[in-house]
PDB file of N, CA and C in Angstrom:
ATOM      1  N   UNK A   1      98.137 111.688  93.248  1.00  0.00           N
ATOM      2  CA  UNK A   1      98.740 111.052  92.060  1.00  0.00           C
ATOM      3  C   UNK A   1      97.714 110.985  90.918  1.00  0.00           C
ATOM      4  N   UNK A   2      98.148 111.351  89.748  1.00  0.00           N
ATOM      5  CA  UNK A   2      97.233 111.171  88.706  1.00  0.00           C
ATOM      6  C   UNK A   2      97.249 109.778  88.070  1.00  0.00           C
ATOM      7  N   UNK A   3      96.377 109.597  87.040  1.00  0.00           N
ATOM      8  CA  UNK A   3      96.303 108.281  86.396  1.00  0.00           C
ATOM      9  C   UNK A   3      97.621 107.829  85.813  1.00  0.00           C
ATOM     10  N   UNK A   4      98.369 108.768  85.205  1.00  0.00           N
ATOM     11  CA  UNK A   4      99.605 108.410  84.587  1.00  0.00           C
ATOM     12  C   UNK A   4     100.593 107.920  85.575  1.00  0.00           C
ATOM     13  N   UNK A   5     100.624 108.444  86.776  1.00  0.00           N
ATOM     14  CA  UNK A   5     101.462 108.116  87.803  1.00  0.00           C
ATOM     15  C   UNK A   5     101.169 106.700  88.304  1.00  0.00           C
ATOM     16  N   UNK A   6      99.851 106.340  88.405  1.00  0.00           N
ATOM     17  CA  UNK A   6      99.441 105.023  88.758  1.00  0.00           C
ATOM     18  C   UNK A   6      99.826 103.999  87.757  1.00  0.00           C
ATOM     19  N   UNK A   7      99.816 104.367  86.456  1.00  0.00           N
ATOM     20  CA  UNK A   7     100.163 103.458  85.411  1.00  0.00           C
ATOM     21  C   UNK A   7     101.708 103.169  85.430  1.00  0.00           C
ATOM     22  N   UNK A   8     102.482 104.239  85.630  1.00  0.00           N
ATOM     23  CA  UNK A   8     103.927 104.034  85.773  1.00  0.00           C
ATOM     24  C   UNK A   8     104.252 103.208  86.983  1.00  0.00           C
ATOM     25  N   UNK A   9     103.593 103.488  88.132  1.00  0.00           N
ATOM     26  CA  UNK A   9     103.729 102.739  89.290  1.00  0.00           C
ATOM     27  C   UNK A   9     103.373 101.301  89.052  1.00  0.00           C
ATOM     28  N   UNK A  10     102.319 101.065  88.415  1.00  0.00           N
ATOM     29  CA  UNK A  10     101.886  99.687  88.071  1.00  0.00           C
ATOM     30  C   UNK A  10     102.852  99.005  87.202  1.00  0.00           C
ATOM     31  N   UNK A  11     103.479  99.603  86.307  1.00  0.00           N
ATOM     32  CA  UNK A  11     104.484  99.036  85.384  1.00  0.00           C
ATOM     33  C   UNK A  11     105.695  98.560  86.199  1.00  0.00           C
ATOM     34  N   UNK A  12     106.077  99.517  87.099  1.00  0.00           N
ATOM     35  CA  UNK A  12     107.248  99.152  87.988  1.00  0.00           C
ATOM     36  C   UNK A  12     106.936  98.167  88.938  1.00  0.00           C
ATOM     37  N   UNK A  13     105.694  98.187  89.547  1.00  0.00           N
ATOM     38  CA  UNK A  13     105.309  97.244  90.567  1.00  0.00           C
ATOM     39  C   UNK A  13     105.236  95.837  89.885  1.00  0.00           C
ATOM     40  N   UNK A  14     104.688  95.834  88.579  1.00  0.00           N
ATOM     41  CA  UNK A  14     104.643  94.512  87.859  1.00  0.00           C
ATOM     42  C   UNK A  14     105.959  93.943  87.657  1.00  0.00           C
ATOM     43  N   UNK A  15     106.944  94.809  87.319  1.00  0.00           N
ATOM     44  CA  UNK A  15     108.305  94.306  87.091  1.00  0.00           C
ATOM     45  C   UNK A  15     108.902  93.823  88.401  1.00  0.00           C
ATOM     46  N   UNK A  16     108.656  94.415  89.500  1.00  0.00           N
ATOM     47  CA  UNK A  16     109.146  93.970  90.726  1.00  0.00           C
ATOM     48  C   UNK A  16     108.423  92.729  91.199  1.00  0.00           C
ATOM     49  N   UNK A  17     107.218  92.581  90.943  1.00  0.00           N
ATOM     50  CA  UNK A  17     106.431  91.341  91.290  1.00  0.00           C
ATOM     51  C   UNK A  17     106.889  90.176  90.412  1.00  0.00           C
ATOM     52  N   UNK A  18     107.253  90.413  89.204  1.00  0.00           N
ATOM     53  CA  UNK A  18     107.767  89.403  88.329  1.00  0.00           C
ATOM     54  C   UNK A  18     109.140  88.924  88.787  1.00  0.00           C
ATOM     55  N   UNK A  19     109.966  89.852  89.281  1.00  0.00           N
ATOM     56  CA  UNK A  19     111.226  89.679  89.770  1.00  0.00           C
ATOM     57  C   UNK A  19     111.162  88.717  91.074  1.00  0.00           C
ATOM     58  N   UNK A  20     110.184  89.005  91.954  1.00  0.00           N
ATOM     59  CA  UNK A  20     109.959  88.356  93.147  1.00  0.00           C
ATOM     60  C   UNK A  20     109.265  86.936  92.904  1.00  0.00           C
ATOM     61  N   UNK A  21     108.641  86.757  91.772  1.00  0.00           N
ATOM     62  CA  UNK A  21     107.942  85.600  91.460  1.00  0.00           C
ATOM     63  C   UNK A  21     108.428  85.018  90.033  1.00  0.00           C
ATOM     64  N   UNK A  22     109.642  84.635  90.002  1.00  0.00           N
ATOM     65  CA  UNK A  22     110.242  84.228  88.703  1.00  0.00           C
ATOM     66  C   UNK A  22     109.458  82.986  88.079  1.00  0.00           C
ATOM     67  N   UNK A  23     109.737  82.829  86.753  1.00  0.00           N
ATOM     68  CA  UNK A  23     109.118  81.691  86.103  1.00  0.00           C
ATOM     69  C   UNK A  23     108.431  82.165  84.864  1.00  0.00           C
ATOM     70  N   UNK A  24     107.954  81.247  84.057  1.00  0.00           N
ATOM     71  CA  UNK A  24     107.335  81.588  82.804  1.00  0.00           C
ATOM     72  C   UNK A  24     105.862  81.865  83.104  1.00  0.00           C
ATOM     73  N   UNK A  25     105.297  82.885  82.540  1.00  0.00           N
ATOM     74  CA  UNK A  25     103.939  83.259  82.635  1.00  0.00           C
ATOM     75  C   UNK A  25     103.204  82.873  81.379  1.00  0.00           C
ATOM     76  N   UNK A  26     101.955  82.505  81.466  1.00  0.00           N
ATOM     77  CA  UNK A  26     101.131  82.149  80.324  1.00  0.00           C
ATOM     78  C   UNK A  26     100.963  83.265  79.267  1.00  0.00           C
ATOM     79  N   UNK A  27     101.017  84.451  79.664  1.00  0.00           N
ATOM     80  CA  UNK A  27     100.791  85.555  78.816  1.00  0.00           C
ATOM     81  C   UNK A  27     101.999  86.381  78.309  1.00  0.00           C
ATOM     82  N   UNK A  28     103.161  86.046  78.868  1.00  0.00           N
ATOM     83  CA  UNK A  28     104.357  86.801  78.420  1.00  0.00           C
ATOM     84  C   UNK A  28     104.505  88.153  79.103  1.00  0.00           C
ATOM     85  N   UNK A  29     105.346  88.938  78.579  1.00  0.00           N
ATOM     86  CA  UNK A  29     105.763  90.224  79.165  1.00  0.00           C
ATOM     87  C   UNK A  29     104.673  91.277  79.111  1.00  0.00           C
ATOM     88  N   UNK A  30     103.902  91.399  78.078  1.00  0.00           N
ATOM     89  CA  UNK A  30     102.820  92.396  77.938  1.00  0.00           C
ATOM     90  C   UNK A  30     101.785  92.144  78.992  1.00  0.00           C
ATOM     91  N   UNK A  31     101.240  90.938  79.042  1.00  0.00           N
ATOM     92  CA  UNK A  31     100.286  90.552  80.033  1.00  0.00           C
ATOM     93  C   UNK A  31     100.681  90.743  81.463  1.00  0.00           C
ATOM     94  N   UNK A  32     101.927  90.414  81.723  1.00  0.00           N
ATOM     95  CA  UNK A  32     102.523  90.577  82.936  1.00  0.00           C
ATOM     96  C   UNK A  32     102.573  91.982  83.409  1.00  0.00           C
ATOM     97  N   UNK A  33     102.823  92.902  82.450  1.00  0.00           N
ATOM     98  CA  UNK A  33     102.941  94.297  82.856  1.00  0.00           C
ATOM     99  C   UNK A  33     101.565  94.795  83.047  1.00  0.00           C
ATOM    100  N   UNK A  34     100.520  94.395  82.219  1.00  0.00           N
ATOM    101  CA  UNK A  34      99.184  94.839  82.381  1.00  0.00           C
ATOM    102  C   UNK A  34      98.578  94.330  83.717  1.00  0.00           C
ATOM    103  N   UNK A  35      99.026  93.125  84.193  1.00  0.00           N
ATOM    104  CA  UNK A  35      98.717  92.677  85.439  1.00  0.00           C
ATOM    105  C   UNK A  35      99.210  93.562  86.544  1.00  0.00           C
ATOM    106  N   UNK A  36     100.468  93.996  86.304  1.00  0.00           N
ATOM    107  CA  UNK A  36     101.112  94.937  87.252  1.00  0.00           C
ATOM    108  C   UNK A  36     100.284  96.172  87.429  1.00  0.00           C
ATOM    109  N   UNK A  37      99.844  96.771  86.384  1.00  0.00           N
ATOM    110  CA  UNK A  37      99.039  97.971  86.371  1.00  0.00           C
ATOM    111  C   UNK A  37      97.745  97.714  87.114  1.00  0.00           C
ATOM    112  N   UNK A  38      97.025  96.594  86.743  1.00  0.00           N
ATOM    113  CA  UNK A  38      95.764  96.265  87.468  1.00  0.00           C
ATOM    114  C   UNK A  38      95.988  95.976  88.910  1.00  0.00           C
ATOM    115  N   UNK A  39      97.147  95.348  89.191  1.00  0.00           N
ATOM    116  CA  UNK A  39      97.517  95.071  90.608  1.00  0.00           C
ATOM    117  C   UNK A  39      97.768  96.306  91.426  1.00  0.00           C
ATOM    118  N   UNK A  40      98.312  97.300  90.748  1.00  0.00           N
ATOM    119  CA  UNK A  40      98.587  98.547  91.528  1.00  0.00           C
ATOM    120  C   UNK A  40      97.303  99.209  91.935  1.00  0.00           C
ATOM    121  N   UNK A  41      96.300  99.233  91.032  1.00  0.00           N
ATOM    122  CA  UNK A  41      94.980  99.832  91.256  1.00  0.00           C
ATOM    123  C   UNK A  41      94.309  98.885  92.357  1.00  0.00           C
ATOM    124  N   UNK A  42      94.329  97.641  92.194  1.00  0.00           N
ATOM    125  CA  UNK A  42      93.687  96.778  93.154  1.00  0.00           C
ATOM    126  C   UNK A  42      94.340  96.852  94.533  1.00  0.00           C
ATOM    127  N   UNK A  43      95.616  96.881  94.668  1.00  0.00           N
ATOM    128  CA  UNK A  43      96.345  97.003  95.867  1.00  0.00           C
ATOM    129  C   UNK A  43      96.014  98.314  96.565  1.00  0.00           C
ATOM    130  N   UNK A  44      95.946  99.409  95.852  1.00  0.00           N
ATOM    131  CA  UNK A  44      95.594 100.608  96.383  1.00  0.00           C
ATOM    132  C   UNK A  44      94.183 100.739  96.870  1.00  0.00           C
ATOM    133  N   UNK A  45      93.325 100.138  96.082  1.00  0.00           N
ATOM    134  CA  UNK A  45      91.905 100.185  96.528  1.00  0.00           C
ATOM    135  C   UNK A  45      91.692  99.264  97.778  1.00  0.00           C
ATOM    136  N   UNK A  46      92.334  98.030  97.724  1.00  0.00           N
ATOM    137  CA  UNK A  46      92.095  97.212  98.960  1.00  0.00           C
ATOM    138  C   UNK A  46      92.757  97.818 100.194  1.00  0.00           C
ATOM    139  N   UNK A  47      93.863  98.548 100.041  1.00  0.00           N
ATOM    140  CA  UNK A  47      94.586  99.180 101.116  1.00  0.00           C
ATOM    141  C   UNK A  47      93.683 100.256 101.707  1.00  0.00           C
ATOM    142  N   UNK A  48      93.022 101.004 100.834  1.00  0.00           N
ATOM    143  CA  UNK A  48      92.146 102.068 101.337  1.00  0.00           C
ATOM    144  C   UNK A  48      90.845 101.578 101.906  1.00  0.00           C
ATOM    145  N   UNK A  49      90.323 100.511 101.331  1.00  0.00           N
ATOM    146  CA  UNK A  49      89.011 100.032 101.734  1.00  0.00           C
ATOM    147  C   UNK A  49      89.056  99.222 103.030  1.00  0.00           C
ATOM    148  N   UNK A  50      90.034  98.210 103.073  1.00  0.00           N
ATOM    149  CA  UNK A  50      89.953  97.254 104.129  1.00  0.00           C
ATOM    150  C   UNK A  50      91.098  97.461 105.196  1.00  0.00           C
ATOM    151  N   UNK A  51      92.238  98.091 104.905  1.00  0.00           N
ATOM    152  CA  UNK A  51      93.210  98.294 105.864  1.00  0.00           C
ATOM    153  C   UNK A  51      93.240  99.755 106.462  1.00  0.00           C
ATOM    154  N   UNK A  52      92.184 100.518 106.066  1.00  0.00           N
ATOM    155  CA  UNK A  52      92.056 101.843 106.482  1.00  0.00           C
ATOM    156  C   UNK A  52      93.433 102.639 106.287  1.00  0.00           C
ATOM    157  N   UNK A  53      94.072 102.419 105.251  1.00  0.00           N
ATOM    158  CA  UNK A  53      95.311 103.238 104.854  1.00  0.00           C
ATOM    159  C   UNK A  53      94.893 103.936 103.588  1.00  0.00           C
ATOM    160  N   UNK A  54      94.627 105.225 103.742  1.00  0.00           N
ATOM    161  CA  UNK A  54      94.203 105.957 102.510  1.00  0.00           C
ATOM    162  C   UNK A  54      95.362 106.031 101.492  1.00  0.00           C
ATOM    163  N   UNK A  55      94.980 106.131 100.250  1.00  0.00           N
ATOM    164  CA  UNK A  55      95.947 106.231  99.180  1.00  0.00           C
ATOM    165  C   UNK A  55      96.717 107.551  99.221  1.00  0.00           C
ATOM    166  N   UNK A  56      98.041 107.424  99.309  1.00  0.00           N
ATOM    167  CA  UNK A  56      98.848 108.661  99.509  1.00  0.00           C
ATOM    168  C   UNK A  56      98.868 109.467  98.168  1.00  0.00           C
ATOM    169  N   UNK A  57      99.114 110.670  98.275  1.00  0.00           N
ATOM    170  CA  UNK A  57      99.318 111.480  97.081  1.00  0.00           C
ATOM    171  C   UNK A  57     100.722 111.588  96.589  1.00  0.00           C
ATOM    172  N   UNK A  58     101.641 111.004  97.270  1.00  0.00           N
ATOM    173  CA  UNK A  58     103.034 111.038  96.922  1.00  0.00           C
ATOM    174  C   UNK A  58     103.427 109.859  96.185  1.00  0.00           C
ATOM    175  N   UNK A  59     104.164 109.953  95.126  1.00  0.00           N
ATOM    176  CA  UNK A  59     104.620 108.846  94.334  1.00  0.00           C
ATOM    177  C   UNK A  59     105.608 108.002  95.040  1.00  0.00           C
ATOM    178  N   UNK A  60     106.430 108.556  95.915  1.00  0.00           N
ATOM    179  CA  UNK A  60     107.498 107.838  96.513  1.00  0.00           C
ATOM    180  C   UNK A  60     107.174 107.442  97.965  1.00  0.00           C
ATOM    181  N   UNK A  61     105.872 107.233  98.253  1.00  0.00           N
ATOM    182  CA  UNK A  61     105.417 106.801  99.612  1.00  0.00           C
ATOM    183  C   UNK A  61     105.549 105.320  99.674  1.00  0.00           C
ATOM    184  N   UNK A  62     106.182 104.797 100.788  1.00  0.00           N
ATOM    185  CA  UNK A  62     106.420 103.367 100.975  1.00  0.00           C
ATOM    186  C   UNK A  62     105.176 102.617 100.973  1.00  0.00           C
ATOM    187  N   UNK A  63     104.072 103.070 101.612  1.00  0.00           N
ATOM    188  CA  UNK A  63     102.855 102.263 101.705  1.00  0.00           C
ATOM    189  C   UNK A  63     102.169 102.180 100.278  1.00  0.00           C
ATOM    190  N   UNK A  64     102.367 103.192  99.476  1.00  0.00           N
ATOM    191  CA  UNK A  64     101.829 103.146  98.087  1.00  0.00           C
ATOM    192  C   UNK A  64     102.509 102.054  97.343  1.00  0.00           C
ATOM    193  N   UNK A  65     103.833 102.032  97.456  1.00  0.00           N
ATOM    194  CA  UNK A  65     104.615 101.066  96.689  1.00  0.00           C
ATOM    195  C   UNK A  65     104.281  99.627  97.187  1.00  0.00           C
ATOM    196  N   UNK A  66     104.217  99.527  98.485  1.00  0.00           N
ATOM    197  CA  UNK A  66     103.958  98.127  99.087  1.00  0.00           C
ATOM    198  C   UNK A  66     102.550  97.704  98.729  1.00  0.00           C
ATOM    199  N   UNK A  67     101.539  98.443  98.702  1.00  0.00           N
ATOM    200  CA  UNK A  67     100.275  98.006  98.273  1.00  0.00           C
ATOM    201  C   UNK A  67     100.196  97.729  96.766  1.00  0.00           C
ATOM    202  N   UNK A  68     100.917  98.493  96.004  1.00  0.00           N
ATOM    203  CA  UNK A  68     100.949  98.198  94.545  1.00  0.00           C
ATOM    204  C   UNK A  68     101.688  96.911  94.242  1.00  0.00           C
ATOM    205  N   UNK A  69     102.783  96.714  94.869  1.00  0.00           N
ATOM    206  CA  UNK A  69     103.510  95.385  94.656  1.00  0.00           C
ATOM    207  C   UNK A  69     102.782  94.198  95.133  1.00  0.00           C
ATOM    208  N   UNK A  70     102.151  94.316  96.367  1.00  0.00           N
ATOM    209  CA  UNK A  70     101.300  93.250  96.893  1.00  0.00           C
ATOM    210  C   UNK A  70     100.104  92.989  95.992  1.00  0.00           C
ATOM    211  N   UNK A  71      99.494  93.950  95.531  1.00  0.00           N
ATOM    212  CA  UNK A  71      98.373  93.741  94.590  1.00  0.00           C
ATOM    213  C   UNK A  71      98.786  93.083  93.285  1.00  0.00           C
ATOM    214  N   UNK A  72     100.043  93.450  92.817  1.00  0.00           N
ATOM    215  CA  UNK A  72     100.570  92.811  91.596  1.00  0.00           C
ATOM    216  C   UNK A  72     100.915  91.366  91.809  1.00  0.00           C
ATOM    217  N   UNK A  73     101.471  91.081  92.962  1.00  0.00           N
ATOM    218  CA  UNK A  73     101.827  89.666  93.303  1.00  0.00           C
ATOM    219  C   UNK A  73     100.556  88.786  93.441  1.00  0.00           C
ATOM    220  N   UNK A  74      99.513  89.296  94.081  1.00  0.00           N
ATOM    221  CA  UNK A  74      98.318  88.546  94.195  1.00  0.00           C
ATOM    222  C   UNK A  74      97.688  88.370  92.814  1.00  0.00           C
ATOM    223  N   UNK A  75      97.595  89.313  91.976  1.00  0.00           N
ATOM    224  CA  UNK A  75      96.977  89.150  90.648  1.00  0.00           C
ATOM    225  C   UNK A  75      97.899  88.114  89.754  1.00  0.00           C
ATOM    226  N   UNK A  76      99.156  88.286  89.862  1.00  0.00           N
ATOM    227  CA  UNK A  76     100.057  87.441  89.136  1.00  0.00           C
ATOM    228  C   UNK A  76      99.981  85.945  89.590  1.00  0.00           C
ATOM    229  N   UNK A  77      99.780  85.789  90.820  1.00  0.00           N
ATOM    230  CA  UNK A  77      99.636  84.378  91.292  1.00  0.00           C
ATOM    231  C   UNK A  77      98.243  83.834  90.923  1.00  0.00           C
ATOM    232  N   UNK A  78      97.203  84.651  90.972  1.00  0.00           N
ATOM    233  CA  UNK A  78      95.811  84.218  90.575  1.00  0.00           C
ATOM    234  C   UNK A  78      95.919  83.876  89.086  1.00  0.00           C
ATOM    235  N   UNK A  79      96.644  84.722  88.310  1.00  0.00           N
ATOM    236  CA  UNK A  79      96.654  84.527  86.885  1.00  0.00           C
ATOM    237  C   UNK A  79      97.294  83.198  86.528  1.00  0.00           C
ATOM    238  N   UNK A  80      98.405  82.882  87.306  1.00  0.00           N
ATOM    239  CA  UNK A  80      99.110  81.641  87.039  1.00  0.00           C
ATOM    240  C   UNK A  80      98.269  80.426  87.492  1.00  0.00           C
ATOM    241  N   UNK A  81      97.516  80.575  88.473  1.00  0.00           N
ATOM    242  CA  UNK A  81      96.647  79.478  88.949  1.00  0.00           C
ATOM    243  C   UNK A  81      95.491  79.241  87.939  1.00  0.00           C
ATOM    244  N   UNK A  82      94.924  80.329  87.479  1.00  0.00           N
ATOM    245  CA  UNK A  82      93.767  80.183  86.495  1.00  0.00           C
ATOM    246  C   UNK A  82      94.200  79.698  85.199  1.00  0.00           C
ATOM    247  N   UNK A  83      95.245  80.208  84.662  1.00  0.00           N
ATOM    248  CA  UNK A  83      95.597  79.896  83.306  1.00  0.00           C
ATOM    249  C   UNK A  83      96.803  78.933  83.103  1.00  0.00           C
ATOM    250  N   UNK A  84      97.447  78.582  84.253  1.00  0.00           N
ATOM    251  CA  UNK A  84      98.466  77.595  84.234  1.00  0.00           C
ATOM    252  C   UNK A  84      99.674  77.952  83.453  1.00  0.00           C
ATOM    253  N   UNK A  85     100.540  77.045  83.273  1.00  0.00           N
ATOM    254  CA  UNK A  85     101.788  77.246  82.545  1.00  0.00           C
ATOM    255  C   UNK A  85     101.620  76.738  81.135  1.00  0.00           C
ATOM    256  N   UNK A  86     100.935  77.450  80.286  1.00  0.00           N
ATOM    257  CA  UNK A  86     100.647  77.044  78.958  1.00  0.00           C
ATOM    258  C   UNK A  86     101.853  77.187  77.975  1.00  0.00           C
ATOM    259  N   UNK A  87     102.868  78.003  78.414  1.00  0.00           N
ATOM    260  CA  UNK A  87     104.003  78.136  77.581  1.00  0.00           C
ATOM    261  C   UNK A  87     105.126  77.159  78.024  1.00  0.00           C
ATOM    262  N   UNK A  88     105.539  76.249  77.192  1.00  0.00           N
ATOM    263  CA  UNK A  88     106.533  75.168  77.623  1.00  0.00           C
ATOM    264  C   UNK A  88     107.801  75.460  76.970  1.00  0.00           C
TER     265      UNK A  88
END
């Protein structure tokens, strides 16, 4: 998968993570989607490094999607913990 595929996957994974973790985010939609992109890279890297699951070259591989969504969820939760609910 190329860099554009990872960005698209990150945008979709960020949307799914936002759906799974509803509520208001301190940064809004743009920051949430950027967290999704960073989460997909982070989840893929962690999966390859610590779980001994190499990053697949197929876009529609279930483990690729799972690691991207998990990474997005982790970063979204960390972002909410660090920056709180500043939007009332």
